[in-house]
N, C-alpha and C. Protein backbone atom coordinates (compact mmCIF):
# COMPACT_ATOMS: atom_id res chain seq x y z
N MET A 1 80.93 94.87 119.82
CA MET A 1 79.65 95.34 120.33
C MET A 1 78.67 94.17 120.43
N ASP A 2 78.52 93.45 119.36
CA ASP A 2 77.53 92.38 119.30
C ASP A 2 78.16 91.17 118.62
N ASP A 3 79.29 90.73 119.17
CA ASP A 3 80.15 89.75 118.51
C ASP A 3 79.44 88.48 118.06
N ALA A 4 78.59 87.91 118.93
CA ALA A 4 77.94 86.64 118.59
C ALA A 4 76.99 86.81 117.40
N ARG A 5 76.21 87.88 117.41
CA ARG A 5 75.28 88.11 116.30
C ARG A 5 76.00 88.41 115.00
N VAL A 6 77.10 89.15 115.08
CA VAL A 6 77.89 89.43 113.88
C VAL A 6 78.50 88.14 113.35
N ALA A 7 79.04 87.32 114.24
CA ALA A 7 79.62 86.04 113.82
C ALA A 7 78.56 85.15 113.19
N ASP A 8 77.36 85.13 113.77
CA ASP A 8 76.26 84.34 113.20
C ASP A 8 75.89 84.84 111.80
N PHE A 9 75.82 86.16 111.64
CA PHE A 9 75.49 86.73 110.33
C PHE A 9 76.53 86.30 109.30
N LEU A 10 77.80 86.48 109.64
CA LEU A 10 78.86 86.15 108.69
C LEU A 10 78.89 84.65 108.38
N SER A 11 78.72 83.83 109.39
CA SER A 11 78.78 82.37 109.15
C SER A 11 77.59 81.87 108.35
N SER A 12 76.51 82.65 108.31
CA SER A 12 75.33 82.24 107.54
C SER A 12 75.50 82.49 106.04
N LEU A 13 76.51 83.28 105.67
CA LEU A 13 76.73 83.61 104.27
C LEU A 13 77.50 82.50 103.56
N PRO A 14 77.21 82.29 102.28
CA PRO A 14 78.04 81.37 101.50
C PRO A 14 79.49 81.88 101.50
N GLU A 15 80.43 80.99 101.32
CA GLU A 15 81.86 81.33 101.47
C GLU A 15 82.29 82.56 100.67
N GLU A 16 81.91 82.65 99.40
CA GLU A 16 82.35 83.77 98.57
C GLU A 16 81.78 85.10 99.10
N LYS A 17 80.52 85.10 99.46
CA LYS A 17 79.91 86.32 100.01
C LYS A 17 80.53 86.67 101.36
N ARG A 18 80.83 85.66 102.16
CA ARG A 18 81.44 85.90 103.47
C ARG A 18 82.81 86.57 103.30
N LYS A 19 83.60 86.11 102.34
CA LYS A 19 84.92 86.72 102.08
C LYS A 19 84.77 88.19 101.74
N LEU A 20 83.81 88.51 100.89
CA LEU A 20 83.57 89.90 100.50
C LEU A 20 83.11 90.73 101.69
N ALA A 21 82.19 90.19 102.48
CA ALA A 21 81.68 90.91 103.66
C ALA A 21 82.81 91.18 104.65
N GLU A 22 83.71 90.23 104.80
CA GLU A 22 84.84 90.39 105.73
C GLU A 22 85.77 91.52 105.27
N ILE A 23 85.99 91.63 103.98
CA ILE A 23 86.85 92.70 103.46
C ILE A 23 86.20 94.05 103.71
N ILE A 24 84.91 94.15 103.45
CA ILE A 24 84.19 95.40 103.69
C ILE A 24 84.21 95.73 105.18
N ARG A 25 83.96 94.73 105.98
CA ARG A 25 83.95 94.90 107.44
C ARG A 25 85.30 95.48 107.92
N ARG A 26 86.40 94.90 107.49
CA ARG A 26 87.72 95.40 107.89
C ARG A 26 87.92 96.83 107.40
N THR A 27 87.49 97.12 106.19
CA THR A 27 87.65 98.45 105.63
C THR A 27 86.90 99.48 106.47
N VAL A 28 85.65 99.16 106.83
CA VAL A 28 84.84 100.09 107.63
C VAL A 28 85.46 100.29 109.00
N LEU A 29 85.83 99.21 109.67
CA LEU A 29 86.36 99.31 111.03
C LEU A 29 87.72 100.00 111.06
N GLN A 30 88.48 99.92 109.98
CA GLN A 30 89.76 100.64 109.90
C GLN A 30 89.55 102.11 109.58
N ALA A 31 88.46 102.44 108.91
CA ALA A 31 88.19 103.83 108.53
C ALA A 31 87.92 104.70 109.74
N ASP A 32 87.30 104.12 110.76
CA ASP A 32 86.99 104.85 111.99
C ASP A 32 87.01 103.84 113.13
N LYS A 33 88.00 103.96 113.98
CA LYS A 33 88.22 102.97 115.05
C LYS A 33 87.08 102.95 116.08
N LYS A 34 86.23 103.97 116.08
CA LYS A 34 85.13 104.01 117.05
C LYS A 34 83.81 103.50 116.49
N VAL A 35 83.81 103.12 115.22
CA VAL A 35 82.62 102.51 114.64
C VAL A 35 82.50 101.10 115.21
N GLU A 36 81.30 100.73 115.58
CA GLU A 36 81.03 99.39 116.11
C GLU A 36 80.11 98.66 115.15
N GLU A 37 80.02 97.35 115.30
CA GLU A 37 79.18 96.56 114.42
C GLU A 37 78.14 95.79 115.21
N THR A 38 77.00 95.59 114.57
CA THR A 38 75.91 94.84 115.17
C THR A 38 75.09 94.24 114.02
N VAL A 39 74.00 93.61 114.36
CA VAL A 39 73.07 93.12 113.35
C VAL A 39 71.73 93.79 113.61
N LYS A 40 71.24 94.51 112.61
CA LYS A 40 69.93 95.16 112.67
C LYS A 40 69.19 94.80 111.40
N TRP A 41 67.93 94.55 111.51
CA TRP A 41 67.09 94.22 110.36
C TRP A 41 67.66 93.01 109.60
N GLY A 42 68.39 92.14 110.32
CA GLY A 42 68.99 90.97 109.70
C GLY A 42 70.23 91.27 108.88
N ASN A 43 70.77 92.48 109.00
CA ASN A 43 71.92 92.91 108.22
C ASN A 43 73.08 93.32 109.12
N LEU A 44 74.29 93.12 108.64
CA LEU A 44 75.46 93.62 109.34
C LEU A 44 75.40 95.15 109.27
N THR A 45 75.39 95.79 110.42
CA THR A 45 75.19 97.23 110.47
C THR A 45 76.32 97.87 111.28
N PHE A 46 76.84 98.96 110.78
CA PHE A 46 77.92 99.68 111.43
C PHE A 46 77.35 100.94 112.05
N VAL A 47 77.64 101.16 113.33
CA VAL A 47 77.08 102.29 114.07
C VAL A 47 78.19 103.03 114.82
N LYS A 48 77.92 104.29 115.08
CA LYS A 48 78.80 105.08 115.94
C LYS A 48 77.92 105.96 116.80
N ASN A 49 78.15 105.90 118.09
CA ASN A 49 77.34 106.66 119.05
C ASN A 49 75.85 106.43 118.84
N GLY A 50 75.48 105.19 118.52
CA GLY A 50 74.08 104.83 118.34
C GLY A 50 73.49 105.23 117.01
N LYS A 51 74.27 105.86 116.16
CA LYS A 51 73.79 106.30 114.84
C LYS A 51 74.22 105.29 113.78
N ASN A 52 73.30 104.93 112.90
CA ASN A 52 73.60 103.99 111.82
C ASN A 52 74.47 104.68 110.77
N ILE A 53 75.57 104.04 110.43
CA ILE A 53 76.51 104.61 109.46
C ILE A 53 76.43 103.89 108.12
N ALA A 54 76.54 102.56 108.14
CA ALA A 54 76.58 101.78 106.89
C ALA A 54 76.09 100.37 107.19
N PHE A 55 75.87 99.59 106.13
CA PHE A 55 75.38 98.22 106.33
C PHE A 55 75.80 97.34 105.16
N VAL A 56 75.79 96.03 105.44
CA VAL A 56 76.06 95.01 104.43
C VAL A 56 74.84 94.10 104.42
N TYR A 57 74.29 93.86 103.25
CA TYR A 57 73.16 92.94 103.16
C TYR A 57 73.21 92.19 101.85
N THR A 58 72.45 91.10 101.80
CA THR A 58 72.44 90.27 100.60
C THR A 58 71.10 89.57 100.49
N TYR A 59 70.86 89.02 99.33
CA TYR A 59 69.67 88.21 99.10
C TYR A 59 70.14 86.81 98.73
N ASP A 60 69.40 85.81 99.16
CA ASP A 60 69.79 84.42 98.91
C ASP A 60 70.10 84.15 97.45
N LYS A 61 69.26 84.64 96.57
CA LYS A 61 69.38 84.29 95.16
C LYS A 61 70.40 85.15 94.41
N GLY A 62 70.74 86.31 94.96
CA GLY A 62 71.66 87.20 94.27
C GLY A 62 73.11 86.75 94.40
N PRO A 63 73.90 86.91 93.34
CA PRO A 63 75.30 86.49 93.37
C PRO A 63 76.22 87.60 93.91
N TYR A 64 75.70 88.51 94.69
CA TYR A 64 76.45 89.66 95.18
C TYR A 64 76.01 90.01 96.59
N ILE A 65 76.80 90.89 97.22
CA ILE A 65 76.37 91.50 98.47
C ILE A 65 76.27 93.00 98.21
N ASN A 66 75.52 93.68 99.05
CA ASN A 66 75.36 95.13 98.94
C ASN A 66 76.06 95.79 100.11
N PHE A 67 76.74 96.89 99.83
CA PHE A 67 77.31 97.74 100.86
C PHE A 67 76.63 99.08 100.70
N GLY A 68 75.91 99.51 101.74
CA GLY A 68 75.11 100.71 101.58
C GLY A 68 75.17 101.67 102.74
N PHE A 69 74.60 102.82 102.50
CA PHE A 69 74.54 103.91 103.47
C PHE A 69 73.13 104.47 103.50
N LEU A 70 72.64 104.78 104.69
CA LEU A 70 71.28 105.29 104.83
C LEU A 70 71.13 106.70 104.26
N LYS A 71 72.20 107.48 104.32
CA LYS A 71 72.15 108.86 103.79
C LYS A 71 73.12 109.03 102.63
N ALA A 72 73.14 108.05 101.77
CA ALA A 72 74.10 108.05 100.66
C ALA A 72 73.91 109.21 99.70
N THR A 73 72.70 109.70 99.56
CA THR A 73 72.47 110.81 98.63
C THR A 73 73.18 112.08 99.10
N SER A 74 73.62 112.10 100.37
CA SER A 74 74.38 113.24 100.89
C SER A 74 75.89 113.02 100.80
N LEU A 75 76.30 111.86 100.31
CA LEU A 75 77.73 111.54 100.19
C LEU A 75 78.22 111.83 98.77
N LYS A 76 79.49 112.16 98.66
CA LYS A 76 80.08 112.40 97.35
C LYS A 76 80.29 111.05 96.66
N ASP A 77 79.91 110.95 95.41
CA ASP A 77 80.05 109.71 94.65
C ASP A 77 80.68 110.04 93.29
N PRO A 78 81.97 110.42 93.29
CA PRO A 78 82.60 110.89 92.06
C PRO A 78 82.68 109.84 90.95
N LYS A 79 82.67 108.56 91.32
CA LYS A 79 82.77 107.50 90.32
C LYS A 79 81.40 106.93 89.93
N GLY A 80 80.33 107.46 90.52
CA GLY A 80 78.99 106.99 90.20
C GLY A 80 78.74 105.53 90.57
N LEU A 81 79.27 105.11 91.72
CA LEU A 81 79.16 103.72 92.14
C LEU A 81 77.83 103.37 92.79
N PHE A 82 77.19 104.35 93.42
CA PHE A 82 75.95 104.06 94.14
C PHE A 82 74.82 103.69 93.19
N GLN A 83 74.00 102.75 93.66
CA GLN A 83 72.78 102.36 92.96
C GLN A 83 71.62 102.50 93.93
N GLY A 84 70.41 102.56 93.38
CA GLY A 84 69.22 102.63 94.21
C GLY A 84 68.42 103.88 93.93
N THR A 85 67.18 103.85 94.41
CA THR A 85 66.28 104.96 94.14
C THR A 85 65.59 105.48 95.41
N GLY A 86 66.04 105.01 96.56
CA GLY A 86 65.42 105.45 97.82
C GLY A 86 65.63 106.93 98.06
N LYS A 87 64.88 107.47 99.01
CA LYS A 87 64.96 108.89 99.32
C LYS A 87 66.39 109.29 99.69
N GLY A 88 67.06 108.46 100.47
CA GLY A 88 68.43 108.77 100.86
C GLY A 88 69.38 107.59 100.75
N MET A 89 68.83 106.39 100.84
CA MET A 89 69.64 105.19 100.88
C MET A 89 70.13 104.79 99.49
N ARG A 90 71.40 104.38 99.43
CA ARG A 90 72.01 103.85 98.21
C ARG A 90 72.96 102.73 98.60
N HIS A 91 73.35 101.93 97.62
CA HIS A 91 74.24 100.81 97.87
C HIS A 91 75.14 100.57 96.66
N VAL A 92 76.17 99.79 96.89
CA VAL A 92 77.04 99.32 95.82
C VAL A 92 76.90 97.81 95.80
N LYS A 93 76.68 97.25 94.62
CA LYS A 93 76.63 95.80 94.47
C LYS A 93 78.05 95.28 94.31
N ILE A 94 78.39 94.27 95.10
CA ILE A 94 79.74 93.73 95.08
C ILE A 94 79.67 92.26 94.69
N TYR A 95 80.16 91.99 93.49
CA TYR A 95 80.16 90.63 92.95
C TYR A 95 81.48 89.92 93.25
N SER A 96 82.56 90.69 93.31
CA SER A 96 83.88 90.11 93.55
C SER A 96 84.76 91.15 94.22
N GLU A 97 85.94 90.72 94.61
CA GLU A 97 86.85 91.61 95.32
C GLU A 97 87.21 92.85 94.49
N LYS A 98 87.21 92.72 93.17
CA LYS A 98 87.56 93.88 92.33
C LYS A 98 86.53 95.00 92.43
N ASP A 99 85.33 94.70 92.94
CA ASP A 99 84.29 95.72 93.12
C ASP A 99 84.46 96.50 94.42
N ILE A 100 85.40 96.09 95.23
CA ILE A 100 85.62 96.75 96.53
C ILE A 100 86.68 97.84 96.34
N ASP A 101 86.22 99.08 96.33
CA ASP A 101 87.09 100.24 96.20
C ASP A 101 87.38 100.74 97.62
N LYS A 102 88.43 100.19 98.23
CA LYS A 102 88.73 100.48 99.64
C LYS A 102 88.91 101.98 99.90
N LYS A 103 89.55 102.66 98.98
CA LYS A 103 89.78 104.10 99.16
C LYS A 103 88.44 104.84 99.18
N GLN A 104 87.56 104.53 98.23
CA GLN A 104 86.25 105.19 98.18
C GLN A 104 85.39 104.79 99.37
N PHE A 105 85.39 103.51 99.72
CA PHE A 105 84.57 103.04 100.85
C PHE A 105 85.02 103.72 102.14
N THR A 106 86.34 103.86 102.32
CA THR A 106 86.88 104.54 103.51
C THR A 106 86.41 105.99 103.53
N ALA A 107 86.48 106.66 102.39
CA ALA A 107 86.04 108.06 102.31
C ALA A 107 84.56 108.17 102.67
N TRP A 108 83.73 107.23 102.16
CA TRP A 108 82.30 107.28 102.48
C TRP A 108 82.04 107.07 103.96
N VAL A 109 82.75 106.15 104.57
CA VAL A 109 82.55 105.90 106.02
C VAL A 109 82.87 107.18 106.78
N LYS A 110 83.99 107.80 106.48
CA LYS A 110 84.38 109.03 107.18
C LYS A 110 83.35 110.13 106.95
N GLU A 111 82.89 110.26 105.73
CA GLU A 111 81.89 111.28 105.39
C GLU A 111 80.56 110.99 106.09
N ALA A 112 80.16 109.73 106.12
CA ALA A 112 78.89 109.36 106.78
C ALA A 112 78.97 109.60 108.28
N VAL A 113 80.11 109.33 108.88
CA VAL A 113 80.29 109.61 110.31
C VAL A 113 80.16 111.11 110.55
N GLN A 114 80.76 111.91 109.68
CA GLN A 114 80.63 113.37 109.81
C GLN A 114 79.17 113.80 109.76
N LEU A 115 78.44 113.23 108.80
CA LEU A 115 77.02 113.59 108.65
C LEU A 115 76.18 113.20 109.86
N GLU A 116 76.41 112.01 110.36
CA GLU A 116 75.55 111.45 111.41
C GLU A 116 75.98 111.81 112.82
N VAL A 117 77.27 111.81 113.07
CA VAL A 117 77.74 111.83 114.45
C VAL A 117 78.50 113.09 114.81
N ASP A 118 79.43 113.46 113.99
CA ASP A 118 80.38 114.49 114.37
C ASP A 118 79.96 115.91 113.99
N ARG A 119 78.67 116.14 113.86
CA ARG A 119 78.28 117.49 113.48
C ARG A 119 78.00 118.33 114.69
């Protein structure tokens, strides 16, 4: 969808964060083949049919990246992985590859698509 901007976002990340973002990116894109990626608000953002599904963001000083959902409070979180206090938005802090729960992340992407797009 927005290949150059996505590539710029990823290349701007330090190597360790870039590796983590790439794993999350592959997980999201495999969860739903029609999800596209772009950069919004300076963050890697996953969309379907123009609706925001999920995003990856980080802070320069933080040793982690965040994987989040705008309507996370409507998603099932059986392992209590989500953090945050926003009205609907929540995220998971990812410090290393062991923090990437591909099965749970895939379930959230599918659930978020149902909430946003396929209703």
